[in-house]
PDB file of N, CA and C in Angstrom:
ATOM      1  N   MET A   1      71.777  68.419 193.870  1.00  0.00           N
ATOM      2  CA  MET A   1      70.385  68.716 193.570  1.00  0.00           C
ATOM      3  C   MET A   1      70.165  70.221 193.552  1.00  0.00           C
ATOM      4  N   ARG A   2      70.691  70.949 194.489  1.00  0.00           N
ATOM      5  CA  ARG A   2      70.481  72.394 194.592  1.00  0.00           C
ATOM      6  C   ARG A   2      71.110  73.122 193.404  1.00  0.00           C
ATOM      7  N   ILE A   3      72.268  72.630 192.952  1.00  0.00           N
ATOM      8  CA  ILE A   3      72.939  73.262 191.820  1.00  0.00           C
ATOM      9  C   ILE A   3      72.066  73.164 190.576  1.00  0.00           C
ATOM     10  N   SER A   4      71.439  72.032 190.350  1.00  0.00           N
ATOM     11  CA  SER A   4      70.575  71.836 189.190  1.00  0.00           C
ATOM     12  C   SER A   4      69.379  72.789 189.228  1.00  0.00           C
ATOM     13  N   GLU A   5      68.788  72.975 190.403  1.00  0.00           N
ATOM     14  CA  GLU A   5      67.657  73.890 190.536  1.00  0.00           C
ATOM     15  C   GLU A   5      68.091  75.320 190.228  1.00  0.00           C
ATOM     16  N   ASP A   6      69.285  75.713 190.691  1.00  0.00           N
ATOM     17  CA  ASP A   6      69.787  77.056 190.422  1.00  0.00           C
ATOM     18  C   ASP A   6      69.988  77.270 188.926  1.00  0.00           C
ATOM     19  N   ASN A   7      70.568  76.275 188.249  1.00  0.00           N
ATOM     20  CA  ASN A   7      70.800  76.393 186.809  1.00  0.00           C
ATOM     21  C   ASN A   7      69.490  76.456 186.044  1.00  0.00           C
ATOM     22  N   THR A   8      68.519  75.690 186.460  1.00  0.00           N
ATOM     23  CA  THR A   8      67.212  75.695 185.803  1.00  0.00           C
ATOM     24  C   THR A   8      66.555  77.057 185.950  1.00  0.00           C
ATOM     25  N   SER A   9      66.610  77.603 187.139  1.00  0.00           N
ATOM     26  CA  SER A   9      66.024  78.912 187.383  1.00  0.00           C
ATOM     27  C   SER A   9      66.711  79.971 186.517  1.00  0.00           C
ATOM     28  N   LYS A  10      68.024  79.904 186.428  1.00  0.00           N
ATOM     29  CA  LYS A  10      68.768  80.862 185.606  1.00  0.00           C
ATOM     30  C   LYS A  10      68.384  80.729 184.138  1.00  0.00           C
ATOM     31  N   LEU A  11      68.191  79.496 183.684  1.00  0.00           N
ATOM     32  CA  LEU A  11      67.822  79.264 182.291  1.00  0.00           C
ATOM     33  C   LEU A  11      66.455  79.860 181.978  1.00  0.00           C
ATOM     34  N   VAL A  12      65.499  79.667 182.859  1.00  0.00           N
ATOM     35  CA  VAL A  12      64.161  80.223 182.652  1.00  0.00           C
ATOM     36  C   VAL A  12      64.229  81.743 182.618  1.00  0.00           C
ATOM     37  N   TRP A  13      64.959  82.341 183.564  1.00  0.00           N
ATOM     38  CA  TRP A  13      65.079  83.803 183.579  1.00  0.00           C
ATOM     39  C   TRP A  13      65.813  84.315 182.336  1.00  0.00           C
ATOM     40  N   PHE A  14      66.789  83.542 181.839  1.00  0.00           N
ATOM     41  CA  PHE A  14      67.495  83.942 180.629  1.00  0.00           C
ATOM     42  C   PHE A  14      66.529  84.030 179.451  1.00  0.00           C
ATOM     43  N   PHE A  15      65.700  82.990 179.279  1.00  0.00           N
ATOM     44  CA  PHE A  15      64.748  83.001 178.174  1.00  0.00           C
ATOM     45  C   PHE A  15      63.708  84.106 178.336  1.00  0.00           C
ATOM     46  N   ALA A  16      63.265  84.346 179.553  1.00  0.00           N
ATOM     47  CA  ALA A  16      62.305  85.421 179.788  1.00  0.00           C
ATOM     48  C   ALA A  16      62.937  86.766 179.448  1.00  0.00           C
ATOM     49  N   GLY A  17      64.172  86.963 179.863  1.00  0.00           N
ATOM     50  CA  GLY A  17      64.880  88.209 179.555  1.00  0.00           C
ATOM     51  C   GLY A  17      65.107  88.379 178.065  1.00  0.00           C
ATOM     52  N   ALA A  18      65.429  87.288 177.389  1.00  0.00           N
ATOM     53  CA  ALA A  18      65.631  87.349 175.939  1.00  0.00           C
ATOM     54  C   ALA A  18      64.342  87.743 175.227  1.00  0.00           C
ATOM     55  N   ALA A  19      63.222  87.199 175.682  1.00  0.00           N
ATOM     56  CA  ALA A  19      61.934  87.540 175.068  1.00  0.00           C
ATOM     57  C   ALA A  19      61.592  89.007 175.310  1.00  0.00           C
ATOM     58  N   ILE A  20      61.801  89.486 176.519  1.00  0.00           N
ATOM     59  CA  ILE A  20      61.516  90.895 176.829  1.00  0.00           C
ATOM     60  C   ILE A  20      62.448  91.806 176.034  1.00  0.00           C
ATOM     61  N   GLY A  21      63.719  91.446 175.968  1.00  0.00           N
ATOM     62  CA  GLY A  21      64.679  92.240 175.190  1.00  0.00           C
ATOM     63  C   GLY A  21      64.314  92.293 173.723  1.00  0.00           C
ATOM     64  N   SER A  22      63.860  91.178 173.182  1.00  0.00           N
ATOM     65  CA  SER A  22      63.439  91.147 171.777  1.00  0.00           C
ATOM     66  C   SER A  22      62.244  92.058 171.549  1.00  0.00           C
ATOM     67  N   ALA A  23      61.296  92.025 172.471  1.00  0.00           N
ATOM     68  CA  ALA A  23      60.114  92.874 172.332  1.00  0.00           C
ATOM     69  C   ALA A  23      60.493  94.349 172.382  1.00  0.00           C
ATOM     70  N   ILE A  24      61.376  94.706 173.285  1.00  0.00           N
ATOM     71  CA  ILE A  24      61.810  96.109 173.386  1.00  0.00           C
ATOM     72  C   ILE A  24      62.567  96.528 172.128  1.00  0.00           C
ATOM     73  N   ALA A  25      63.418  95.655 171.629  1.00  0.00           N
ATOM     74  CA  ALA A  25      64.159  95.972 170.404  1.00  0.00           C
ATOM     75  C   ALA A  25      63.210  96.205 169.239  1.00  0.00           C
ATOM     76  N   LEU A  26      62.164  95.407 169.160  1.00  0.00           N
ATOM     77  CA  LEU A  26      61.190  95.577 168.075  1.00  0.00           C
ATOM     78  C   LEU A  26      60.436  96.900 168.201  1.00  0.00           C
ATOM     79  N   LEU A  27      60.183  97.322 169.427  1.00  0.00           N
ATOM     80  CA  LEU A  27      59.467  98.582 169.629  1.00  0.00           C
ATOM     81  C   LEU A  27      60.275  99.780 169.128  1.00  0.00           C
ATOM     82  N   TYR A  28      61.585  99.669 169.221  1.00  0.00           N
ATOM     83  CA  TYR A  28      62.440 100.771 168.783  1.00  0.00           C
ATOM     84  C   TYR A  28      62.897 100.629 167.336  1.00  0.00           C
ATOM     85  N   ALA A  29      62.549  99.529 166.692  1.00  0.00           N
ATOM     86  CA  ALA A  29      62.930  99.325 165.297  1.00  0.00           C
ATOM     87  C   ALA A  29      62.061 100.197 164.390  1.00  0.00           C
ATOM     88  N   PRO A  30      62.649 100.719 163.337  1.00  0.00           N
ATOM     89  CA  PRO A  30      61.865 101.562 162.425  1.00  0.00           C
ATOM     90  C   PRO A  30      60.971 100.715 161.512  1.00  0.00           C
ATOM     91  N   ALA A  31      59.740 100.467 161.937  1.00  0.00           N
ATOM     92  CA  ALA A  31      58.776  99.712 161.137  1.00  0.00           C
ATOM     93  C   ALA A  31      57.386 100.232 161.465  1.00  0.00           C
ATOM     94  N   SER A  32      56.438  99.896 160.615  1.00  0.00           N
ATOM     95  CA  SER A  32      55.063 100.342 160.854  1.00  0.00           C
ATOM     96  C   SER A  32      54.489  99.629 162.075  1.00  0.00           C
ATOM     97  N   GLY A  33      53.412 100.182 162.605  1.00  0.00           N
ATOM     98  CA  GLY A  33      52.780  99.589 163.780  1.00  0.00           C
ATOM     99  C   GLY A  33      52.321  98.166 163.544  1.00  0.00           C
ATOM    100  N   GLU A  34      51.741  97.924 162.374  1.00  0.00           N
ATOM    101  CA  GLU A  34      51.244  96.584 162.064  1.00  0.00           C
ATOM    102  C   GLU A  34      52.384  95.578 161.998  1.00  0.00           C
ATOM    103  N   VAL A  35      53.460  95.951 161.342  1.00  0.00           N
ATOM    104  CA  VAL A  35      54.621  95.066 161.224  1.00  0.00           C
ATOM    105  C   VAL A  35      55.230  94.826 162.598  1.00  0.00           C
ATOM    106  N   THR A  36      55.347  95.875 163.395  1.00  0.00           N
ATOM    107  CA  THR A  36      55.928  95.748 164.739  1.00  0.00           C
ATOM    108  C   THR A  36      55.071  94.838 165.609  1.00  0.00           C
ATOM    109  N   ARG A  37      53.753  95.003 165.558  1.00  0.00           N
ATOM    110  CA  ARG A  37      52.867  94.146 166.353  1.00  0.00           C
ATOM    111  C   ARG A  37      52.975  92.685 165.919  1.00  0.00           C
ATOM    112  N   ARG A  38      53.084  92.460 164.624  1.00  0.00           N
ATOM    113  CA  ARG A  38      53.231  91.094 164.115  1.00  0.00           C
ATOM    114  C   ARG A  38      54.549  90.492 164.607  1.00  0.00           C
ATOM    115  N   LYS A  39      55.623  91.276 164.550  1.00  0.00           N
ATOM    116  CA  LYS A  39      56.921  90.779 165.014  1.00  0.00           C
ATOM    117  C   LYS A  39      56.902  90.490 166.508  1.00  0.00           C
ATOM    118  N   ILE A  40      56.247  91.344 167.279  1.00  0.00           N
ATOM    119  CA  ILE A  40      56.147  91.119 168.726  1.00  0.00           C
ATOM    120  C   ILE A  40      55.363  89.837 168.997  1.00  0.00           C
ATOM    121  N   GLY A  41      54.279  89.645 168.260  1.00  0.00           N
ATOM    122  CA  GLY A  41      53.488  88.424 168.421  1.00  0.00           C
ATOM    123  C   GLY A  41      54.292  87.177 168.088  1.00  0.00           C
ATOM    124  N   GLU A  42      55.062  87.241 167.004  1.00  0.00           N
ATOM    125  CA  GLU A  42      55.892  86.100 166.617  1.00  0.00           C
ATOM    126  C   GLU A  42      56.959  85.833 167.670  1.00  0.00           C
ATOM    127  N   ALA A  43      57.591  86.903 168.164  1.00  0.00           N
ATOM    128  CA  ALA A  43      58.616  86.741 169.203  1.00  0.00           C
ATOM    129  C   ALA A  43      58.004  86.168 170.477  1.00  0.00           C
ATOM    130  N   ALA A  44      56.820  86.620 170.834  1.00  0.00           N
ATOM    131  CA  ALA A  44      56.152  86.101 172.032  1.00  0.00           C
ATOM    132  C   ALA A  44      55.814  84.624 171.852  1.00  0.00           C
ATOM    133  N   ASN A  45      55.366  84.251 170.676  1.00  0.00           N
ATOM    134  CA  ASN A  45      55.054  82.836 170.417  1.00  0.00           C
ATOM    135  C   ASN A  45      56.301  81.967 170.494  1.00  0.00           C
ATOM    136  N   ARG A  46      57.420  82.455 169.937  1.00  0.00           N
ATOM    137  CA  ARG A  46      58.675  81.695 170.025  1.00  0.00           C
ATOM    138  C   ARG A  46      59.109  81.553 171.476  1.00  0.00           C
ATOM    139  N   GLY A  47      59.010  82.642 172.232  1.00  0.00           N
ATOM    140  CA  GLY A  47      59.380  82.590 173.646  1.00  0.00           C
ATOM    141  C   GLY A  47      58.507  81.622 174.424  1.00  0.00           C
ATOM    142  N   ARG A  48      57.209  81.659 174.156  1.00  0.00           N
ATOM    143  CA  ARG A  48      56.281  80.735 174.820  1.00  0.00           C
ATOM    144  C   ARG A  48      56.639  79.292 174.488  1.00  0.00           C
ATOM    145  N   ASP A  49      56.938  79.029 173.215  1.00  0.00           N
ATOM    146  CA  ASP A  49      57.292  77.667 172.808  1.00  0.00           C
ATOM    147  C   ASP A  49      58.573  77.197 173.499  1.00  0.00           C
ATOM    148  N   ARG A  50      59.568  78.084 173.589  1.00  0.00           N
ATOM    149  CA  ARG A  50      60.826  77.719 174.259  1.00  0.00           C
ATOM    150  C   ARG A  50      60.590  77.433 175.735  1.00  0.00           C
ATOM    151  N   LEU A  51      59.795  78.278 176.390  1.00  0.00           N
ATOM    152  CA  LEU A  51      59.500  78.048 177.802  1.00  0.00           C
ATOM    153  C   LEU A  51      58.719  76.748 177.989  1.00  0.00           C
ATOM    154  N   ASN A  52      57.824  76.454 177.063  1.00  0.00           N
ATOM    155  CA  ASN A  52      57.058  75.213 177.127  1.00  0.00           C
ATOM    156  C   ASN A  52      57.987  74.003 177.001  1.00  0.00           C
ATOM    157  N   GLU A  53      58.930  74.074 176.053  1.00  0.00           N
ATOM    158  CA  GLU A  53      59.895  72.984 175.871  1.00  0.00           C
ATOM    159  C   GLU A  53      60.750  72.818 177.126  1.00  0.00           C
ATOM    160  N   THR A  54      61.188  73.941 177.694  1.00  0.00           N
ATOM    161  CA  THR A  54      61.997  73.890 178.910  1.00  0.00           C
ATOM    162  C   THR A  54      61.204  73.264 180.049  1.00  0.00           C
ATOM    163  N   GLY A  55      59.935  73.610 180.151  1.00  0.00           N
ATOM    164  CA  GLY A  55      59.083  73.021 181.179  1.00  0.00           C
ATOM    165  C   GLY A  55      58.960  71.523 181.031  1.00  0.00           C
ATOM    166  N   HIS A  56      58.770  71.071 179.795  1.00  0.00           N
ATOM    167  CA  HIS A  56      58.676  69.629 179.542  1.00  0.00           C
ATOM    168  C   HIS A  56      59.992  68.935 179.897  1.00  0.00           C
ATOM    169  N   ASP A  57      61.105  69.569 179.536  1.00  0.00           N
ATOM    170  CA  ASP A  57      62.411  68.993 179.867  1.00  0.00           C
ATOM    171  C   ASP A  57      62.587  68.889 181.383  1.00  0.00           C
ATOM    172  N   LEU A  58      62.149  69.920 182.101  1.00  0.00           N
ATOM    173  CA  LEU A  58      62.265  69.904 183.556  1.00  0.00           C
ATOM    174  C   LEU A  58      61.406  68.804 184.168  1.00  0.00           C
ATOM    175  N   VAL A  59      60.224  68.606 183.641  1.00  0.00           N
ATOM    176  CA  VAL A  59      59.354  67.537 184.143  1.00  0.00           C
ATOM    177  C   VAL A  59      60.007  66.178 183.917  1.00  0.00           C
ATOM    178  N   GLU A  60      60.554  65.968 182.732  1.00  0.00           N
ATOM    179  CA  GLU A  60      61.212  64.697 182.436  1.00  0.00           C
ATOM    180  C   GLU A  60      62.407  64.474 183.350  1.00  0.00           C
ATOM    181  N   LYS A  61      63.194  65.520 183.569  1.00  0.00           N
ATOM    182  CA  LYS A  61      64.356  65.403 184.454  1.00  0.00           C
ATOM    183  C   LYS A  61      63.900  65.103 185.876  1.00  0.00           C
ATOM    184  N   GLY A  62      62.829  65.727 186.308  1.00  0.00           N
ATOM    185  CA  GLY A  62      62.286  65.460 187.642  1.00  0.00           C
ATOM    186  C   GLY A  62      61.843  64.020 187.788  1.00  0.00           C
ATOM    187  N   LYS A  63      61.199  63.481 186.752  1.00  0.00           N
ATOM    188  CA  LYS A  63      60.773  62.079 186.783  1.00  0.00           C
ATOM    189  C   LYS A  63      61.979  61.147 186.891  1.00  0.00           C
ATOM    190  N   GLU A  64      63.036  61.465 186.124  1.00  0.00           N
ATOM    191  CA  GLU A  64      64.246  60.634 186.169  1.00  0.00           C
ATOM    192  C   GLU A  64      64.860  60.660 187.563  1.00  0.00           C
ATOM    193  N   ILE A  65      64.951  61.834 188.155  1.00  0.00           N
ATOM    194  CA  ILE A  65      65.528  61.960 189.493  1.00  0.00           C
ATOM    195  C   ILE A  65      64.671  61.208 190.507  1.00  0.00           C
ATOM    196  N   PHE A  66      63.360  61.334 190.401  1.00  0.00           N
ATOM    197  CA  PHE A  66      62.453  60.617 191.299  1.00  0.00           C
ATOM    198  C   PHE A  66      62.641  59.114 191.170  1.00  0.00           C
ATOM    199  N   ASP A  67      62.716  58.622 189.933  1.00  0.00           N
ATOM    200  CA  ASP A  67      62.888  57.184 189.714  1.00  0.00           C
ATOM    201  C   ASP A  67      64.220  56.688 190.282  1.00  0.00           C
ATOM    202  N   ARG A  68      65.294  57.478 190.089  1.00  0.00           N
ATOM    203  CA  ARG A  68      66.590  57.088 190.659  1.00  0.00           C
ATOM    204  C   ARG A  68      66.524  57.059 192.179  1.00  0.00           C
ATOM    205  N   GLY A  69      65.863  58.058 192.762  1.00  0.00           N
ATOM    206  CA  GLY A  69      65.715  58.103 194.218  1.00  0.00           C
ATOM    207  C   GLY A  69      64.923  56.919 194.744  1.00  0.00           C
ATOM    208  N   ARG A  70      63.864  56.591 194.051  1.00  0.00           N
ATOM    209  CA  ARG A  70      63.048  55.427 194.446  1.00  0.00           C
ATOM    210  C   ARG A  70      63.869  54.148 194.372  1.00  0.00           C
ATOM    211  N   HIS A  71      64.672  54.004 193.305  1.00  0.00           N
ATOM    212  CA  HIS A  71      65.512  52.815 193.150  1.00  0.00           C
ATOM    213  C   HIS A  71      66.524  52.734 194.293  1.00  0.00           C
ATOM    214  N   ILE A  72      67.153  53.830 194.633  1.00  0.00           N
ATOM    215  CA  ILE A  72      68.127  53.855 195.734  1.00  0.00           C
ATOM    216  C   ILE A  72      67.443  53.512 197.059  1.00  0.00           C
ATOM    217  N   ALA A  73      66.251  54.065 197.281  1.00  0.00           N
ATOM    218  CA  ALA A  73      65.512  53.770 198.514  1.00  0.00           C
ATOM    219  C   ALA A  73      65.140  52.291 198.589  1.00  0.00           C
ATOM    220  N   ASP A  74      64.738  51.705 197.470  1.00  0.00           N
ATOM    221  CA  ASP A  74      64.404  50.277 197.445  1.00  0.00           C
ATOM    222  C   ASP A  74      65.632  49.423 197.757  1.00  0.00           C
ATOM    223  N   GLU A  75      66.774  49.788 197.183  1.00  0.00           N
ATOM    224  CA  GLU A  75      68.007  49.054 197.467  1.00  0.00           C
ATOM    225  C   GLU A  75      68.392  49.179 198.938  1.00  0.00           C
ATOM    226  N   ALA A  76      68.249  50.364 199.484  1.00  0.00           N
ATOM    227  CA  ALA A  76      68.572  50.574 200.899  1.00  0.00           C
ATOM    228  C   ALA A  76      67.646  49.741 201.779  1.00  0.00           C
ATOM    229  N   ALA A  77      66.371  49.681 201.440  1.00  0.00           N
ATOM    230  CA  ALA A  77      65.427  48.867 202.212  1.00  0.00           C
ATOM    231  C   ALA A  77      65.790  47.394 202.135  1.00  0.00           C
ATOM    232  N   ASP A  78      66.189  46.924 200.958  1.00  0.00           N
ATOM    233  CA  ASP A  78      66.607  45.531 200.809  1.00  0.00           C
ATOM    234  C   ASP A  78      67.850  45.235 201.645  1.00  0.00           C
ATOM    235  N   LEU A  79      68.822  46.150 201.618  1.00  0.00           N
ATOM    236  CA  LEU A  79      70.032  45.967 202.420  1.00  0.00           C
ATOM    237  C   LEU A  79      69.703  45.965 203.909  1.00  0.00           C
ATOM    238  N   PHE A  80      68.829  46.845 204.321  1.00  0.00           N
ATOM    239  CA  PHE A  80      68.415  46.912 205.722  1.00  0.00           C
ATOM    240  C   PHE A  80      67.764  45.601 206.137  1.00  0.00           C
ATOM    241  N   GLU A  81      66.900  45.089 205.290  1.00  0.00           N
ATOM    242  CA  GLU A  81      66.203  43.827 205.599  1.00  0.00           C
ATOM    243  C   GLU A  81      67.196  42.664 205.660  1.00  0.00           C
ATOM    244  N   SER A  82      68.160  42.645 204.747  1.00  0.00           N
ATOM    245  CA  SER A  82      69.200  41.596 204.771  1.00  0.00           C
ATOM    246  C   SER A  82      70.010  41.677 206.062  1.00  0.00           C
ATOM    247  N   GLY A  83      70.368  42.879 206.468  1.00  0.00           N
ATOM    248  CA  GLY A  83      71.124  43.062 207.710  1.00  0.00           C
ATOM    249  C   GLY A  83      70.319  42.643 208.920  1.00  0.00           C
ATOM    250  N   ARG A  84      69.057  42.947 208.912  1.00  0.00           N
ATOM    251  CA  ARG A  84      68.181  42.569 210.019  1.00  0.00           C
ATOM    252  C   ARG A  84      68.090  41.052 210.135  1.00  0.00           C
ATOM    253  N   LYS A  85      67.988  40.376 209.004  1.00  0.00           N
ATOM    254  CA  LYS A  85      67.921  38.906 209.008  1.00  0.00           C
ATOM    255  C   LYS A  85      69.222  38.293 209.506  1.00  0.00           C
ATOM    256  N   LEU A  86      70.369  38.906 209.131  1.00  0.00           N
ATOM    257  CA  LEU A  86      71.654  38.402 209.592  1.00  0.00           C
ATOM    258  C   LEU A  86      71.799  38.543 211.099  1.00  0.00           C
ATOM    259  N   VAL A  87      71.333  39.655 211.630  1.00  0.00           N
ATOM    260  CA  VAL A  87      71.432  39.902 213.058  1.00  0.00           C
ATOM    261  C   VAL A  87      70.521  38.947 213.827  1.00  0.00           C
ATOM    262  N   LYS A  88      69.339  38.686 213.302  1.00  0.00           N
ATOM    263  CA  LYS A  88      68.392  37.761 213.945  1.00  0.00           C
ATOM    264  C   LYS A  88      68.922  36.327 213.937  1.00  0.00           C
ATOM    265  N   GLY A  89      69.615  35.989 212.889  1.00  0.00           N
ATOM    266  CA  GLY A  89      70.205  34.676 212.807  1.00  0.00           C
ATOM    267  C   GLY A  89      69.484  33.732 212.001  1.00  0.00           C
TER     268      GLY A  89
END
């Protein structure tokens, strides 16, 4: 579980860094102010969309993990109850 959280955090920071790097590259590119601002806006929108998609993916993965955990807990409770009945006789 901890490894997955670390990878997710790294992925988010990677996309954030890529967006910032793109914006800086555009600032140093030889283009007019209007063109540069438009490119920065487009890059920011792409970055926002990617982060939004990543967020949705993380939510879905969290739901899957929660459901698996709930299923395991239910099975453990059933096994515990079966064992209790066997001990009681």
